Amino acid sequence: ATKNHLEFIELSQYHAVALFVQRASASYSRFEFTT
């Protein structure tokens, strides 16, 4: 909800981001969520 900058680790804890990363990794094994 915040407009402030969030750290990489903090972002991965949000469910929407976690689902996207999970599905991206499942469809393309070389995908990595990085800074």
PDB file of all heavy atoms in Angstrom:
ATOM      1  N   ALA A   1       0.831  -1.208   0.000  1.00  0.00           N
ATOM      2  CA  ALA A   1       0.000   0.000   0.000  1.00  0.00           C
ATOM      3  C   ALA A   1       0.863   1.254   0.000  1.00  0.00           C
ATOM      4  O   ALA A   1       0.456   2.303  -0.468  1.00  0.00           O
ATOM      5  CB  ALA A   1      -0.916  -0.001   1.219  1.00  0.00           C
ATOM      6  N   THR A   2       2.072   1.131   0.526  1.00  0.00           N
ATOM      7  CA  THR A   2       2.958   2.286   0.637  1.00  0.00           C
ATOM      8  C   THR A   2       3.586   2.646  -0.698  1.00  0.00           C
ATOM      9  O   THR A   2       3.792   1.781  -1.556  1.00  0.00           O
ATOM     10  CB  THR A   2       4.089   2.004   1.660  1.00  0.00           C
ATOM     11  OG1 THR A   2       4.957   3.127   1.695  1.00  0.00           O
ATOM     12  CG2 THR A   2       4.894   0.770   1.263  1.00  0.00           C
ATOM     13  N   LYS A   3       3.845   3.927  -0.897  1.00  0.00           N
ATOM     14  CA  LYS A   3       4.535   4.396  -2.096  1.00  0.00           C
ATOM     15  C   LYS A   3       6.038   4.456  -1.881  1.00  0.00           C
ATOM     16  O   LYS A   3       6.791   4.742  -2.806  1.00  0.00           O
ATOM     17  CB  LYS A   3       4.006   5.776  -2.499  1.00  0.00           C
ATOM     18  CG  LYS A   3       2.548   5.761  -2.941  1.00  0.00           C
ATOM     19  CD  LYS A   3       2.109   7.135  -3.380  1.00  0.00           C
ATOM     20  CE  LYS A   3       0.646   7.115  -3.819  1.00  0.00           C
ATOM     21  NZ  LYS A   3       0.170   8.460  -4.246  1.00  0.00           N
ATOM     22  N   ASN A   4       6.449   4.183  -0.649  1.00  0.00           N
ATOM     23  CA  ASN A   4       7.874   4.227  -0.341  1.00  0.00           C
ATOM     24  C   ASN A   4       8.589   3.026  -0.954  1.00  0.00           C
ATOM     25  O   ASN A   4       7.984   1.990  -1.231  1.00  0.00           O
ATOM     26  CB  ASN A   4       8.089   4.232   1.178  1.00  0.00           C
ATOM     27  CG  ASN A   4       7.488   5.477   1.813  1.00  0.00           C
ATOM     28  OD1 ASN A   4       7.419   6.531   1.197  1.00  0.00           O
ATOM     29  ND2 ASN A   4       7.044   5.346   3.055  1.00  0.00           N
ATOM     30  N   HIS A   5       9.888   3.191  -1.144  1.00  0.00           N
ATOM     31  CA  HIS A   5      10.686   2.097  -1.691  1.00  0.00           C
ATOM     32  C   HIS A   5      10.733   0.936  -0.700  1.00  0.00           C
ATOM     33  O   HIS A   5      10.930   1.120   0.496  1.00  0.00           O
ATOM     34  CB  HIS A   5      12.110   2.588  -1.978  1.00  0.00           C
ATOM     35  CG  HIS A   5      13.029   1.500  -2.427  1.00  0.00           C
ATOM     36  ND1 HIS A   5      12.956   0.962  -3.699  1.00  0.00           N
ATOM     37  CD2 HIS A   5      14.016   0.835  -1.767  1.00  0.00           C
ATOM     38  CE1 HIS A   5      13.878   0.014  -3.807  1.00  0.00           C
ATOM     39  NE2 HIS A   5      14.532  -0.074  -2.655  1.00  0.00           N
ATOM     40  N   LEU A   6      10.519  -0.291  -1.233  1.00  0.00           N
ATOM     41  CA  LEU A   6      10.573  -1.483  -0.395  1.00  0.00           C
ATOM     42  C   LEU A   6      11.773  -2.333  -0.794  1.00  0.00           C
ATOM     43  O   LEU A   6      12.135  -2.416  -1.972  1.00  0.00           O
ATOM     44  CB  LEU A   6       9.295  -2.313  -0.550  1.00  0.00           C
ATOM     45  CG  LEU A   6       8.011  -1.682  -0.013  1.00  0.00           C
ATOM     46  CD1 LEU A   6       6.813  -2.551  -0.363  1.00  0.00           C
ATOM     47  CD2 LEU A   6       8.084  -1.478   1.493  1.00  0.00           C
ATOM     48  N   GLU A   7      12.378  -2.966   0.183  1.00  0.00           N
ATOM     49  CA  GLU A   7      13.506  -3.844  -0.081  1.00  0.00           C
ATOM     50  C   GLU A   7      13.042  -5.093  -0.827  1.00  0.00           C
ATOM     51  O   GLU A   7      11.881  -5.494  -0.736  1.00  0.00           O
ATOM     52  CB  GLU A   7      14.193  -4.239   1.231  1.00  0.00           C
ATOM     53  CG  GLU A   7      14.845  -3.070   1.952  1.00  0.00           C
ATOM     54  CD  GLU A   7      15.962  -2.423   1.136  1.00  0.00           C
ATOM     55  OE1 GLU A   7      16.636  -3.151   0.380  1.00  0.00           O
ATOM     56  OE2 GLU A   7      16.132  -1.198   1.244  1.00  0.00           O
ATOM     57  N   PHE A   8      13.963  -5.704  -1.562  1.00  0.00           N
ATOM     58  CA  PHE A   8      13.685  -6.898  -2.365  1.00  0.00           C
ATOM     59  C   PHE A   8      13.025  -7.999  -1.536  1.00  0.00           C
ATOM     60  O   PHE A   8      12.038  -8.608  -1.951  1.00  0.00           O
ATOM     61  CB  PHE A   8      15.017  -7.374  -2.960  1.00  0.00           C
ATOM     62  CG  PHE A   8      14.932  -8.692  -3.653  1.00  0.00           C
ATOM     63  CD1 PHE A   8      14.222  -8.820  -4.842  1.00  0.00           C
ATOM     64  CD2 PHE A   8      15.561  -9.804  -3.129  1.00  0.00           C
ATOM     65  CE1 PHE A   8      14.156 -10.036  -5.488  1.00  0.00           C
ATOM     66  CE2 PHE A   8      15.504 -11.022  -3.767  1.00  0.00           C
ATOM     67  CZ  PHE A   8      14.804 -11.140  -4.959  1.00  0.00           C
ATOM     68  N   ILE A   9      13.535  -8.249  -0.350  1.00  0.00           N
ATOM     69  CA  ILE A   9      12.995  -9.312   0.507  1.00  0.00           C
ATOM     70  C   ILE A   9      11.571  -8.986   0.936  1.00  0.00           C
ATOM     71  O   ILE A   9      10.702  -9.853   0.985  1.00  0.00           O
ATOM     72  CB  ILE A   9      13.891  -9.525   1.752  1.00  0.00           C
ATOM     73  CG1 ILE A   9      15.290  -9.966   1.321  1.00  0.00           C
ATOM     74  CG2 ILE A   9      13.271 -10.566   2.683  1.00  0.00           C
ATOM     75  CD1 ILE A   9      15.322 -11.281   0.543  1.00  0.00           C
ATOM     76  N   GLU A  10      11.300  -7.722   1.226  1.00  0.00           N
ATOM     77  CA  GLU A  10       9.963  -7.307   1.639  1.00  0.00           C
ATOM     78  C   GLU A  10       8.947  -7.543   0.523  1.00  0.00           C
ATOM     79  O   GLU A  10       7.828  -8.001   0.762  1.00  0.00           O
ATOM     80  CB  GLU A  10       9.961  -5.832   2.034  1.00  0.00           C
ATOM     81  CG  GLU A  10      10.733  -5.521   3.297  1.00  0.00           C
ATOM     82  CD  GLU A  10      10.733  -4.028   3.584  1.00  0.00           C
ATOM     83  OE1 GLU A  10      11.321  -3.266   2.804  1.00  0.00           O
ATOM     84  OE2 GLU A  10      10.131  -3.629   4.603  1.00  0.00           O
ATOM     85  N   LEU A  11       9.328  -7.248  -0.710  1.00  0.00           N
ATOM     86  CA  LEU A  11       8.419  -7.408  -1.848  1.00  0.00           C
ATOM     87  C   LEU A  11       7.977  -8.854  -2.013  1.00  0.00           C
ATOM     88  O   LEU A  11       6.817  -9.136  -2.301  1.00  0.00           O
ATOM     89  CB  LEU A  11       9.104  -6.944  -3.134  1.00  0.00           C
ATOM     90  CG  LEU A  11       9.222  -5.444  -3.368  1.00  0.00           C
ATOM     91  CD1 LEU A  11       9.928  -5.170  -4.681  1.00  0.00           C
ATOM     92  CD2 LEU A  11       7.841  -4.804  -3.381  1.00  0.00           C
ATOM     93  N   SER A  12       8.897  -9.778  -1.852  1.00  0.00           N
ATOM     94  CA  SER A  12       8.595 -11.195  -2.075  1.00  0.00           C
ATOM     95  C   SER A  12       7.606 -11.750  -1.058  1.00  0.00           C
ATOM     96  O   SER A  12       7.055 -12.829  -1.251  1.00  0.00           O
ATOM     97  CB  SER A  12       9.888 -12.023  -2.038  1.00  0.00           C
ATOM     98  OG  SER A  12      10.506 -11.919  -0.762  1.00  0.00           O
ATOM     99  N   GLN A  13       7.347 -11.000   0.021  1.00  0.00           N
ATOM    100  CA  GLN A  13       6.406 -11.466   1.038  1.00  0.00           C
ATOM    101  C   GLN A  13       4.953 -11.102   0.698  1.00  0.00           C
ATOM    102  O   GLN A  13       4.031 -11.601   1.341  1.00  0.00           O
ATOM    103  CB  GLN A  13       6.789 -10.879   2.399  1.00  0.00           C
ATOM    104  CG  GLN A  13       8.138 -11.395   2.907  1.00  0.00           C
ATOM    105  CD  GLN A  13       8.594 -10.690   4.170  1.00  0.00           C
ATOM    106  OE1 GLN A  13       7.953  -9.752   4.640  1.00  0.00           O
ATOM    107  NE2 GLN A  13       9.707 -11.140   4.729  1.00  0.00           N
ATOM    108  N   TYR A  14       4.755 -10.251  -0.283  1.00  0.00           N
ATOM    109  CA  TYR A  14       3.393  -9.916  -0.690  1.00  0.00           C
ATOM    110  C   TYR A  14       2.841 -11.009  -1.594  1.00  0.00           C
ATOM    111  O   TYR A  14       3.517 -11.480  -2.515  1.00  0.00           O
ATOM    112  CB  TYR A  14       3.375  -8.556  -1.393  1.00  0.00           C
ATOM    113  CG  TYR A  14       3.509  -7.419  -0.420  1.00  0.00           C
ATOM    114  CD1 TYR A  14       4.758  -6.895  -0.098  1.00  0.00           C
ATOM    115  CD2 TYR A  14       2.390  -6.870   0.204  1.00  0.00           C
ATOM    116  CE1 TYR A  14       4.893  -5.856   0.813  1.00  0.00           C
ATOM    117  CE2 TYR A  14       2.516  -5.830   1.120  1.00  0.00           C
ATOM    118  CZ  TYR A  14       3.765  -5.331   1.418  1.00  0.00           C
ATOM    119  OH  TYR A  14       3.888  -4.304   2.322  1.00  0.00           O
ATOM    120  N   HIS A  15       1.600 -11.407  -1.340  1.00  0.00           N
ATOM    121  CA  HIS A  15       1.035 -12.580  -2.002  1.00  0.00           C
ATOM    122  C   HIS A  15       0.963 -12.438  -3.519  1.00  0.00           C
ATOM    123  O   HIS A  15       1.175 -13.413  -4.241  1.00  0.00           O
ATOM    124  CB  HIS A  15      -0.349 -12.874  -1.428  1.00  0.00           C
ATOM    125  CG  HIS A  15      -0.306 -13.290   0.011  1.00  0.00           C
ATOM    126  ND1 HIS A  15      -1.409 -13.292   0.825  1.00  0.00           N
ATOM    127  CD2 HIS A  15       0.731 -13.709   0.786  1.00  0.00           C
ATOM    128  CE1 HIS A  15      -1.077 -13.699   2.027  1.00  0.00           C
ATOM    129  NE2 HIS A  15       0.220 -13.949   2.036  1.00  0.00           N
ATOM    130  N   ALA A  16       0.630 -11.247  -4.014  1.00  0.00           N
ATOM    131  CA  ALA A  16       0.538 -11.057  -5.460  1.00  0.00           C
ATOM    132  C   ALA A  16       1.906 -11.271  -6.110  1.00  0.00           C
ATOM    133  O   ALA A  16       2.019 -11.963  -7.133  1.00  0.00           O
ATOM    134  CB  ALA A  16       0.006  -9.658  -5.779  1.00  0.00           C
ATOM    135  N   VAL A  17       2.935 -10.697  -5.516  1.00  0.00           N
ATOM    136  CA  VAL A  17       4.295 -10.858  -6.042  1.00  0.00           C
ATOM    137  C   VAL A  17       4.724 -12.314  -5.942  1.00  0.00           C
ATOM    138  O   VAL A  17       5.294 -12.872  -6.887  1.00  0.00           O
ATOM    139  CB  VAL A  17       5.279  -9.948  -5.281  1.00  0.00           C
ATOM    140  CG1 VAL A  17       6.713 -10.189  -5.756  1.00  0.00           C
ATOM    141  CG2 VAL A  17       4.895  -8.482  -5.461  1.00  0.00           C
ATOM    142  N   ALA A  18       4.424 -12.948  -4.811  1.00  0.00           N
ATOM    143  CA  ALA A  18       4.819 -14.351  -4.608  1.00  0.00           C
ATOM    144  C   ALA A  18       4.170 -15.264  -5.644  1.00  0.00           C
ATOM    145  O   ALA A  18       4.821 -16.167  -6.193  1.00  0.00           O
ATOM    146  CB  ALA A  18       4.432 -14.794  -3.198  1.00  0.00           C
ATOM    147  N   LEU A  19       2.880 -15.039  -5.942  1.00  0.00           N
ATOM    148  CA  LEU A  19       2.199 -15.876  -6.936  1.00  0.00           C
ATOM    149  C   LEU A  19       2.805 -15.666  -8.317  1.00  0.00           C
ATOM    150  O   LEU A  19       3.059 -16.633  -9.049  1.00  0.00           O
ATOM    151  CB  LEU A  19       0.704 -15.561  -6.965  1.00  0.00           C
ATOM    152  CG  LEU A  19      -0.091 -16.314  -8.047  1.00  0.00           C
ATOM    153  CD1 LEU A  19      -0.065 -17.813  -7.784  1.00  0.00           C
ATOM    154  CD2 LEU A  19      -1.523 -15.814  -8.134  1.00  0.00           C
ATOM    155  N   PHE A  20       3.044 -14.411  -8.681  1.00  0.00           N
ATOM    156  CA  PHE A  20       3.621 -14.135 -10.006  1.00  0.00           C
ATOM    157  C   PHE A  20       4.981 -14.806 -10.154  1.00  0.00           C
ATOM    158  O   PHE A  20       5.260 -15.444 -11.182  1.00  0.00           O
ATOM    159  CB  PHE A  20       3.745 -12.626 -10.218  1.00  0.00           C
ATOM    160  CG  PHE A  20       4.298 -12.265 -11.561  1.00  0.00           C
ATOM    161  CD1 PHE A  20       3.470 -12.195 -12.668  1.00  0.00           C
ATOM    162  CD2 PHE A  20       5.653 -11.989 -11.728  1.00  0.00           C
ATOM    163  CE1 PHE A  20       3.967 -11.865 -13.926  1.00  0.00           C
ATOM    164  CE2 PHE A  20       6.164 -11.663 -12.976  1.00  0.00           C
ATOM    165  CZ  PHE A  20       5.327 -11.601 -14.075  1.00  0.00           C
ATOM    166  N   VAL A  21       5.809 -14.669  -9.155  1.00  0.00           N
ATOM    167  CA  VAL A  21       7.147 -15.273  -9.204  1.00  0.00           C
ATOM    168  C   VAL A  21       7.044 -16.792  -9.272  1.00  0.00           C
ATOM    169  O   VAL A  21       7.759 -17.447 -10.043  1.00  0.00           O
ATOM    170  CB  VAL A  21       7.973 -14.837  -7.973  1.00  0.00           C
ATOM    171  CG1 VAL A  21       9.272 -15.632  -7.882  1.00  0.00           C
ATOM    172  CG2 VAL A  21       8.267 -13.344  -8.043  1.00  0.00           C
ATOM    173  N   GLN A  22       6.127 -17.366  -8.493  1.00  0.00           N
ATOM    174  CA  GLN A  22       5.943 -18.829  -8.496  1.00  0.00           C
ATOM    175  C   GLN A  22       5.521 -19.319  -9.877  1.00  0.00           C
ATOM    176  O   GLN A  22       6.068 -20.289 -10.408  1.00  0.00           O
ATOM    177  CB  GLN A  22       4.883 -19.209  -7.459  1.00  0.00           C
ATOM    178  CG  GLN A  22       4.609 -20.697  -7.369  1.00  0.00           C
ATOM    179  CD  GLN A  22       3.368 -20.970  -6.544  1.00  0.00           C
ATOM    180  OE1 GLN A  22       2.242 -20.727  -6.994  1.00  0.00           O
ATOM    181  NE2 GLN A  22       3.567 -21.448  -5.323  1.00  0.00           N
ATOM    182  N   ARG A  23       4.524 -18.662 -10.494  1.00  0.00           N
ATOM    183  CA  ARG A  23       4.033 -19.099 -11.797  1.00  0.00           C
ATOM    184  C   ARG A  23       5.063 -18.825 -12.889  1.00  0.00           C
ATOM    185  O   ARG A  23       5.185 -19.583 -13.851  1.00  0.00           O
ATOM    186  CB  ARG A  23       2.710 -18.403 -12.136  1.00  0.00           C
ATOM    187  CG  ARG A  23       1.593 -18.669 -11.143  1.00  0.00           C
ATOM    188  CD  ARG A  23       1.458 -20.135 -10.783  1.00  0.00           C
ATOM    189  NE  ARG A  23       1.228 -20.957 -11.967  1.00  0.00           N
ATOM    190  CZ  ARG A  23       1.481 -22.252 -12.035  1.00  0.00           C
ATOM    191  NH1 ARG A  23       2.025 -22.869 -10.981  1.00  0.00           N
ATOM    192  NH2 ARG A  23       1.227 -22.925 -13.139  1.00  0.00           N
ATOM    193  N   ALA A  24       5.799 -17.719 -12.767  1.00  0.00           N
ATOM    194  CA  ALA A  24       6.837 -17.414 -13.759  1.00  0.00           C
ATOM    195  C   ALA A  24       7.927 -18.481 -13.734  1.00  0.00           C
ATOM    196  O   ALA A  24       8.385 -18.956 -14.781  1.00  0.00           O
ATOM    197  CB  ALA A  24       7.430 -16.039 -13.484  1.00  0.00           C
ATOM    198  N   SER A  25       8.327 -18.886 -12.527  1.00  0.00           N
ATOM    199  CA  SER A  25       9.362 -19.916 -12.391  1.00  0.00           C
ATOM    200  C   SER A  25       8.877 -21.267 -12.902  1.00  0.00           C
ATOM    201  O   SER A  25       9.648 -22.051 -13.467  1.00  0.00           O
ATOM    202  CB  SER A  25       9.779 -20.037 -10.921  1.00  0.00           C
ATOM    203  OG  SER A  25      10.292 -18.809 -10.445  1.00  0.00           O
ATOM    204  N   ALA A  26       7.574 -21.552 -12.719  1.00  0.00           N
ATOM    205  CA  ALA A  26       7.013 -22.824 -13.173  1.00  0.00           C
ATOM    206  C   ALA A  26       6.953 -22.890 -14.694  1.00  0.00           C
ATOM    207  O   ALA A  26       7.164 -23.962 -15.291  1.00  0.00           O
ATOM    208  CB  ALA A  26       5.611 -23.016 -12.586  1.00  0.00           C
ATOM    209  N   SER A  27       6.659 -21.750 -15.342  1.00  0.00           N
ATOM    210  CA  SER A  27       6.521 -21.766 -16.799  1.00  0.00           C
ATOM    211  C   SER A  27       7.869 -21.566 -17.510  1.00  0.00           C
ATOM    212  O   SER A  27       8.021 -21.930 -18.676  1.00  0.00           O
ATOM    213  CB  SER A  27       5.539 -20.688 -17.253  1.00  0.00           C
ATOM    214  OG  SER A  27       6.031 -19.403 -16.931  1.00  0.00           O
ATOM    215  N   TYR A  28       8.832 -20.971 -16.792  1.00  0.00           N
ATOM    216  CA  TYR A  28      10.139 -20.709 -17.391  1.00  0.00           C
ATOM    217  C   TYR A  28      11.195 -20.896 -16.306  1.00  0.00           C
ATOM    218  O   TYR A  28      11.420 -20.028 -15.467  1.00  0.00           O
ATOM    219  CB  TYR A  28      10.184 -19.290 -17.958  1.00  0.00           C
ATOM    220  CG  TYR A  28      11.467 -18.924 -18.659  1.00  0.00           C
ATOM    221  CD1 TYR A  28      12.012 -19.748 -19.640  1.00  0.00           C
ATOM    222  CD2 TYR A  28      12.136 -17.726 -18.354  1.00  0.00           C
ATOM    223  CE1 TYR A  28      13.182 -19.404 -20.285  1.00  0.00           C
ATOM    224  CE2 TYR A  28      13.302 -17.368 -18.999  1.00  0.00           C
ATOM    225  CZ  TYR A  28      13.826 -18.210 -19.966  1.00  0.00           C
ATOM    226  OH  TYR A  28      14.990 -17.878 -20.611  1.00  0.00           O
ATOM    227  N   SER A  29      11.846 -22.053 -16.331  1.00  0.00           N
ATOM    228  CA  SER A  29      12.741 -22.452 -15.232  1.00  0.00           C
ATOM    229  C   SER A  29      13.932 -21.506 -15.061  1.00  0.00           C
ATOM    230  O   SER A  29      14.519 -21.435 -13.979  1.00  0.00           O
ATOM    231  CB  SER A  29      13.248 -23.884 -15.459  1.00  0.00           C
ATOM    232  OG  SER A  29      13.960 -23.956 -16.689  1.00  0.00           O
ATOM    233  N   ARG A  30      14.265 -20.742 -16.095  1.00  0.00           N
ATOM    234  CA  ARG A  30      15.429 -19.853 -16.002  1.00  0.00           C
ATOM    235  C   ARG A  30      15.065 -18.490 -15.391  1.00  0.00           C
ATOM    236  O   ARG A  30      15.941 -17.656 -15.173  1.00  0.00           O
ATOM    237  CB  ARG A  30      16.026 -19.650 -17.401  1.00  0.00           C
ATOM    238  CG  ARG A  30      16.653 -20.929 -17.962  1.00  0.00           C
ATOM    239  CD  ARG A  30      17.051 -20.773 -19.417  1.00  0.00           C
ATOM    240  NE  ARG A  30      18.065 -19.720 -19.583  1.00  0.00           N
ATOM    241  CZ  ARG A  30      18.524 -19.340 -20.778  1.00  0.00           C
ATOM    242  NH1 ARG A  30      18.062 -19.907 -21.883  1.00  0.00           N
ATOM    243  NH2 ARG A  30      19.428 -18.384 -20.854  1.00  0.00           N
ATOM    244  N   PHE A  31      13.797 -18.278 -15.117  1.00  0.00           N
ATOM    245  CA  PHE A  31      13.406 -16.997 -14.522  1.00  0.00           C
ATOM    246  C   PHE A  31      13.866 -16.914 -13.073  1.00  0.00           C
ATOM    247  O   PHE A  31      13.719 -17.854 -12.297  1.00  0.00           O
ATOM    248  CB  PHE A  31      11.887 -16.812 -14.575  1.00  0.00           C
ATOM    249  CG  PHE A  31      11.415 -15.591 -13.815  1.00  0.00           C
ATOM    250  CD1 PHE A  31      11.559 -14.324 -14.358  1.00  0.00           C
ATOM    251  CD2 PHE A  31      10.878 -15.711 -12.533  1.00  0.00           C
ATOM    252  CE1 PHE A  31      11.163 -13.195 -13.654  1.00  0.00           C
ATOM    253  CE2 PHE A  31      10.471 -14.587 -11.821  1.00  0.00           C
ATOM    254  CZ  PHE A  31      10.619 -13.325 -12.395  1.00  0.00           C
ATOM    255  N   GLU A  32      14.409 -15.766 -12.710  1.00  0.00           N
ATOM    256  CA  GLU A  32      14.803 -15.503 -11.328  1.00  0.00           C
ATOM    257  C   GLU A  32      14.296 -14.128 -10.915  1.00  0.00           C
ATOM    258  O   GLU A  32      14.369 -13.171 -11.687  1.00  0.00           O
ATOM    259  CB  GLU A  32      16.326 -15.547 -11.174  1.00  0.00           C
ATOM    260  CG  GLU A  32      16.924 -16.941 -11.286  1.00  0.00           C
ATOM    261  CD  GLU A  32      18.409 -16.935 -11.003  1.00  0.00           C
ATOM    262  OE1 GLU A  32      18.877 -16.003 -10.301  1.00  0.00           O
ATOM    263  OE2 GLU A  32      19.113 -17.824 -11.497  1.00  0.00           O
ATOM    264  N   PHE A  33      13.779 -14.072  -9.715  1.00  0.00           N
ATOM    265  CA  PHE A  33      13.329 -12.802  -9.144  1.00  0.00           C
ATOM    266  C   PHE A  33      14.526 -12.145  -8.485  1.00  0.00           C
ATOM    267  O   PHE A  33      15.085 -12.674  -7.518  1.00  0.00           O
ATOM    268  CB  PHE A  33      12.209 -13.070  -8.138  1.00  0.00           C
ATOM    269  CG  PHE A  33      11.610 -11.824  -7.535  1.00  0.00           C
ATOM    270  CD1 PHE A  33      11.275 -10.740  -8.323  1.00  0.00           C
ATOM    271  CD2 PHE A  33      11.359 -11.753  -6.168  1.00  0.00           C
ATOM    272  CE1 PHE A  33      10.712  -9.593  -7.774  1.00  0.00           C
ATOM    273  CE2 PHE A  33      10.784 -10.626  -5.605  1.00  0.00           C
ATOM    274  CZ  PHE A  33      10.470  -9.536  -6.417  1.00  0.00           C
ATOM    275  N   THR A  34      14.978 -11.015  -9.019  1.00  0.00           N
ATOM    276  CA  THR A  34      16.215 -10.390  -8.551  1.00  0.00           C
ATOM    277  C   THR A  34      15.980  -8.914  -8.224  1.00  0.00           C
ATOM    278  O   THR A  34      14.924  -8.353  -8.528  1.00  0.00           O
ATOM    279  CB  THR A  34      17.306 -10.478  -9.641  1.00  0.00           C
ATOM    280  OG1 THR A  34      16.891  -9.681 -10.769  1.00  0.00           O
ATOM    281  CG2 THR A  34      17.514 -11.918 -10.092  1.00  0.00           C
ATOM    282  N   THR A  35      16.979  -8.313  -7.645  1.00  0.00           N
ATOM    283  CA  THR A  35      16.891  -6.874  -7.354  1.00  0.00           C
ATOM    284  C   THR A  35      16.790  -6.061  -8.643  1.00  0.00           C
ATOM    285  O   THR A  35      16.244  -4.966  -8.654  1.00  0.00           O
ATOM    286  CB  THR A  35      18.127  -6.409  -6.562  1.00  0.00           C
ATOM    287  OG1 THR A  35      19.312  -6.797  -7.276  1.00  0.00           O
ATOM    288  CG2 THR A  35      18.156  -7.043  -5.177  1.00  0.00           C
TER     289      THR A  35
END
